Amino acid sequence: MVSRSLPHEYFFLNGSRSDGPVIGHIDGRPIPARVIDTRGSRYRFVGVARRDRRGRLDVSALRKNEWLVVPDLIYAAVA
């Protein structure tokens, strides 16, 4: 279920850059295996975020240490 009280903007990694090979494409855009944020933290690709019938992202389905990267990609922090 999509939560109205959880703005999806809070769950995006801003300023992330690709790190590693491209493992596929979605909507013509590459899916990097890993990304690095502006602080140097690393994240690995774990899936694609779901949207409801109205097009809203289901941020309540994210697990601890998972973040969104445009376009609707989910990345998990690497320990």
N, C-alpha and C. Protein backbone atom coordinates (compact mmCIF):
# COMPACT_ATOMS: atom_id res chain seq x y z
N MET A 1 0.84 -1.18 0.00
CA MET A 1 0.00 0.00 0.00
C MET A 1 0.88 1.25 0.00
N VAL A 2 0.47 2.22 -0.74
CA VAL A 2 1.18 3.49 -0.80
C VAL A 2 0.71 4.36 0.35
N SER A 3 1.64 4.96 1.05
CA SER A 3 1.30 5.80 2.18
C SER A 3 1.26 7.27 1.77
N ARG A 4 0.19 7.95 2.09
CA ARG A 4 0.10 9.38 1.80
C ARG A 4 0.97 10.19 2.75
N SER A 5 1.32 9.62 3.91
CA SER A 5 2.10 10.35 4.90
C SER A 5 3.61 10.24 4.67
N LEU A 6 4.03 9.45 3.70
CA LEU A 6 5.45 9.27 3.41
C LEU A 6 5.78 9.83 2.03
N PRO A 7 6.18 11.09 1.94
CA PRO A 7 6.53 11.64 0.62
C PRO A 7 7.68 10.86 0.00
N HIS A 8 7.52 10.46 -1.25
CA HIS A 8 8.55 9.64 -1.89
C HIS A 8 9.87 10.40 -2.07
N GLU A 9 9.82 11.72 -2.08
CA GLU A 9 11.05 12.51 -2.24
C GLU A 9 12.07 12.25 -1.14
N TYR A 10 11.60 11.85 0.03
CA TYR A 10 12.48 11.58 1.17
C TYR A 10 13.32 10.32 0.96
N PHE A 11 12.96 9.50 -0.01
CA PHE A 11 13.58 8.19 -0.18
C PHE A 11 14.50 8.10 -1.39
N PHE A 12 14.76 9.24 -2.04
CA PHE A 12 15.65 9.25 -3.21
C PHE A 12 17.07 9.61 -2.81
N LEU A 13 18.04 8.91 -3.42
CA LEU A 13 19.45 9.26 -3.28
C LEU A 13 19.71 10.37 -4.27
N ASN A 14 20.01 11.54 -3.79
CA ASN A 14 20.29 12.67 -4.67
C ASN A 14 21.77 12.73 -4.99
N GLY A 15 22.07 13.04 -6.23
CA GLY A 15 23.46 13.19 -6.63
C GLY A 15 24.22 11.89 -6.74
N SER A 16 23.54 10.78 -6.88
CA SER A 16 24.26 9.50 -7.01
C SER A 16 24.85 9.39 -8.41
N ARG A 17 25.94 8.63 -8.49
CA ARG A 17 26.57 8.40 -9.79
C ARG A 17 26.82 6.91 -9.96
N SER A 18 26.86 6.47 -11.20
CA SER A 18 27.05 5.05 -11.51
C SER A 18 28.41 4.56 -11.05
N ASP A 19 28.43 3.29 -10.67
CA ASP A 19 29.67 2.63 -10.28
C ASP A 19 29.53 1.16 -10.65
N GLY A 20 30.28 0.73 -11.61
CA GLY A 20 30.19 -0.67 -12.02
C GLY A 20 29.48 -0.82 -13.35
N PRO A 21 29.29 -2.07 -13.77
CA PRO A 21 28.72 -2.33 -15.09
C PRO A 21 27.23 -2.01 -15.16
N VAL A 22 26.75 -1.82 -16.39
CA VAL A 22 25.32 -1.69 -16.63
C VAL A 22 24.76 -3.09 -16.72
N ILE A 23 23.71 -3.37 -15.93
CA ILE A 23 23.16 -4.73 -15.89
C ILE A 23 21.83 -4.86 -16.63
N GLY A 24 21.37 -3.76 -17.21
CA GLY A 24 20.12 -3.78 -17.98
C GLY A 24 19.67 -2.37 -18.28
N HIS A 25 18.47 -2.27 -18.83
CA HIS A 25 17.89 -0.97 -19.17
C HIS A 25 16.42 -0.96 -18.78
N ILE A 26 15.92 0.21 -18.39
CA ILE A 26 14.50 0.40 -18.12
C ILE A 26 14.11 1.72 -18.77
N ASP A 27 13.09 1.68 -19.57
CA ASP A 27 12.65 2.88 -20.31
C ASP A 27 13.80 3.53 -21.07
N GLY A 28 14.69 2.71 -21.62
CA GLY A 28 15.81 3.22 -22.40
C GLY A 28 16.96 3.78 -21.57
N ARG A 29 16.85 3.70 -20.26
CA ARG A 29 17.91 4.23 -19.38
C ARG A 29 18.68 3.06 -18.76
N PRO A 30 20.00 3.21 -18.61
CA PRO A 30 20.80 2.12 -18.06
C PRO A 30 20.53 1.89 -16.57
N ILE A 31 20.71 0.64 -16.16
CA ILE A 31 20.62 0.27 -14.75
C ILE A 31 22.04 -0.09 -14.30
N PRO A 32 22.68 0.79 -13.54
CA PRO A 32 24.03 0.46 -13.05
C PRO A 32 23.96 -0.58 -11.92
N ALA A 33 24.93 -1.46 -11.87
CA ALA A 33 24.97 -2.48 -10.83
C ALA A 33 25.11 -1.84 -9.45
N ARG A 34 25.84 -0.73 -9.40
CA ARG A 34 26.07 -0.03 -8.14
C ARG A 34 26.04 1.48 -8.38
N VAL A 35 25.76 2.23 -7.32
CA VAL A 35 25.86 3.69 -7.37
C VAL A 35 26.60 4.16 -6.12
N ILE A 36 27.13 5.37 -6.21
CA ILE A 36 27.81 6.02 -5.08
C ILE A 36 27.12 7.35 -4.86
N ASP A 37 26.82 7.68 -3.59
CA ASP A 37 26.19 8.97 -3.31
C ASP A 37 27.25 10.06 -3.12
N THR A 38 26.80 11.27 -2.86
CA THR A 38 27.71 12.41 -2.76
C THR A 38 28.68 12.30 -1.58
N ARG A 39 28.36 11.47 -0.59
CA ARG A 39 29.26 11.28 0.57
C ARG A 39 30.22 10.12 0.38
N GLY A 40 30.08 9.41 -0.76
CA GLY A 40 30.96 8.27 -1.02
C GLY A 40 30.41 6.94 -0.57
N SER A 41 29.20 6.90 -0.04
CA SER A 41 28.58 5.63 0.36
C SER A 41 28.18 4.86 -0.89
N ARG A 42 28.31 3.54 -0.82
CA ARG A 42 28.03 2.67 -1.97
C ARG A 42 26.73 1.90 -1.77
N TYR A 43 26.05 1.65 -2.89
CA TYR A 43 24.76 0.96 -2.90
C TYR A 43 24.73 0.00 -4.07
N ARG A 44 24.02 -1.12 -3.91
CA ARG A 44 23.90 -2.10 -4.99
C ARG A 44 22.44 -2.20 -5.42
N PHE A 45 22.23 -2.48 -6.69
CA PHE A 45 20.89 -2.59 -7.25
C PHE A 45 20.18 -3.82 -6.68
N VAL A 46 18.92 -3.63 -6.23
CA VAL A 46 18.16 -4.76 -5.70
C VAL A 46 16.78 -4.91 -6.34
N GLY A 47 16.34 -3.95 -7.15
CA GLY A 47 15.04 -4.12 -7.79
C GLY A 47 14.45 -2.82 -8.31
N VAL A 48 13.20 -2.93 -8.74
CA VAL A 48 12.45 -1.80 -9.28
C VAL A 48 11.27 -1.52 -8.35
N ALA A 49 11.05 -0.26 -8.03
CA ALA A 49 9.97 0.12 -7.11
C ALA A 49 8.61 -0.07 -7.78
N ARG A 50 7.65 -0.45 -6.97
CA ARG A 50 6.27 -0.61 -7.46
C ARG A 50 5.55 0.72 -7.41
N ARG A 51 4.58 0.85 -8.27
CA ARG A 51 3.69 2.02 -8.28
C ARG A 51 2.25 1.52 -8.20
N ASP A 52 1.38 2.33 -7.59
CA ASP A 52 -0.03 1.96 -7.53
C ASP A 52 -0.73 2.38 -8.83
N ARG A 53 -2.03 2.15 -8.92
CA ARG A 53 -2.78 2.46 -10.14
C ARG A 53 -2.76 3.94 -10.47
N ARG A 54 -2.53 4.78 -9.49
CA ARG A 54 -2.48 6.23 -9.71
C ARG A 54 -1.06 6.71 -10.02
N GLY A 55 -0.10 5.79 -10.05
CA GLY A 55 1.27 6.14 -10.40
C GLY A 55 2.15 6.54 -9.23
N ARG A 56 1.64 6.37 -8.00
CA ARG A 56 2.43 6.74 -6.82
C ARG A 56 3.39 5.62 -6.43
N LEU A 57 4.60 6.01 -6.05
CA LEU A 57 5.59 5.02 -5.61
C LEU A 57 5.21 4.41 -4.27
N ASP A 58 5.46 3.11 -4.12
CA ASP A 58 5.17 2.40 -2.87
C ASP A 58 6.42 2.42 -2.00
N VAL A 59 6.67 3.54 -1.33
CA VAL A 59 7.87 3.66 -0.49
C VAL A 59 7.76 2.83 0.78
N SER A 60 6.56 2.44 1.17
CA SER A 60 6.41 1.62 2.37
C SER A 60 6.97 0.21 2.16
N ALA A 61 7.21 -0.19 0.91
CA ALA A 61 7.77 -1.52 0.62
C ALA A 61 9.29 -1.54 0.71
N LEU A 62 9.91 -0.36 0.82
CA LEU A 62 11.37 -0.32 0.95
C LEU A 62 11.80 -0.90 2.29
N ARG A 63 12.89 -1.64 2.26
CA ARG A 63 13.46 -2.20 3.49
C ARG A 63 14.47 -1.22 4.09
N LYS A 64 14.92 -1.53 5.28
CA LYS A 64 15.93 -0.70 5.94
C LYS A 64 17.15 -0.58 5.03
N ASN A 65 17.69 0.63 4.91
CA ASN A 65 18.88 0.92 4.12
C ASN A 65 18.67 0.78 2.61
N GLU A 66 17.41 0.83 2.15
CA GLU A 66 17.12 0.85 0.72
C GLU A 66 16.67 2.25 0.32
N TRP A 67 17.10 2.65 -0.87
CA TRP A 67 16.83 4.00 -1.37
C TRP A 67 16.44 3.93 -2.83
N LEU A 68 15.77 4.97 -3.31
CA LEU A 68 15.35 5.05 -4.70
C LEU A 68 16.33 5.90 -5.50
N VAL A 69 16.51 5.50 -6.75
CA VAL A 69 17.29 6.25 -7.72
C VAL A 69 16.45 6.32 -8.99
N VAL A 70 16.39 7.49 -9.61
CA VAL A 70 15.61 7.66 -10.84
C VAL A 70 16.14 6.71 -11.89
N PRO A 71 15.36 5.97 -12.65
CA PRO A 71 13.90 5.95 -12.69
C PRO A 71 13.32 4.78 -11.89
N ASP A 72 12.94 4.99 -10.68
CA ASP A 72 12.26 4.01 -9.82
C ASP A 72 13.10 2.76 -9.50
N LEU A 73 14.40 2.92 -9.47
CA LEU A 73 15.29 1.80 -9.14
C LEU A 73 15.54 1.79 -7.64
N ILE A 74 15.68 0.59 -7.08
CA ILE A 74 15.94 0.44 -5.64
C ILE A 74 17.38 -0.02 -5.46
N TYR A 75 18.09 0.67 -4.58
CA TYR A 75 19.46 0.33 -4.24
C TYR A 75 19.58 0.16 -2.73
N ALA A 76 20.35 -0.84 -2.31
CA ALA A 76 20.58 -1.11 -0.89
C ALA A 76 22.01 -0.74 -0.52
N ALA A 77 22.17 -0.20 0.67
CA ALA A 77 23.49 0.18 1.16
C ALA A 77 24.38 -1.05 1.24
N VAL A 78 25.62 -0.89 0.86
CA VAL A 78 26.60 -1.96 0.93
C VAL A 78 27.35 -1.80 2.24
N ALA A 79 27.39 -2.89 3.02
CA ALA A 79 28.05 -2.83 4.33
C ALA A 79 29.55 -2.82 4.22
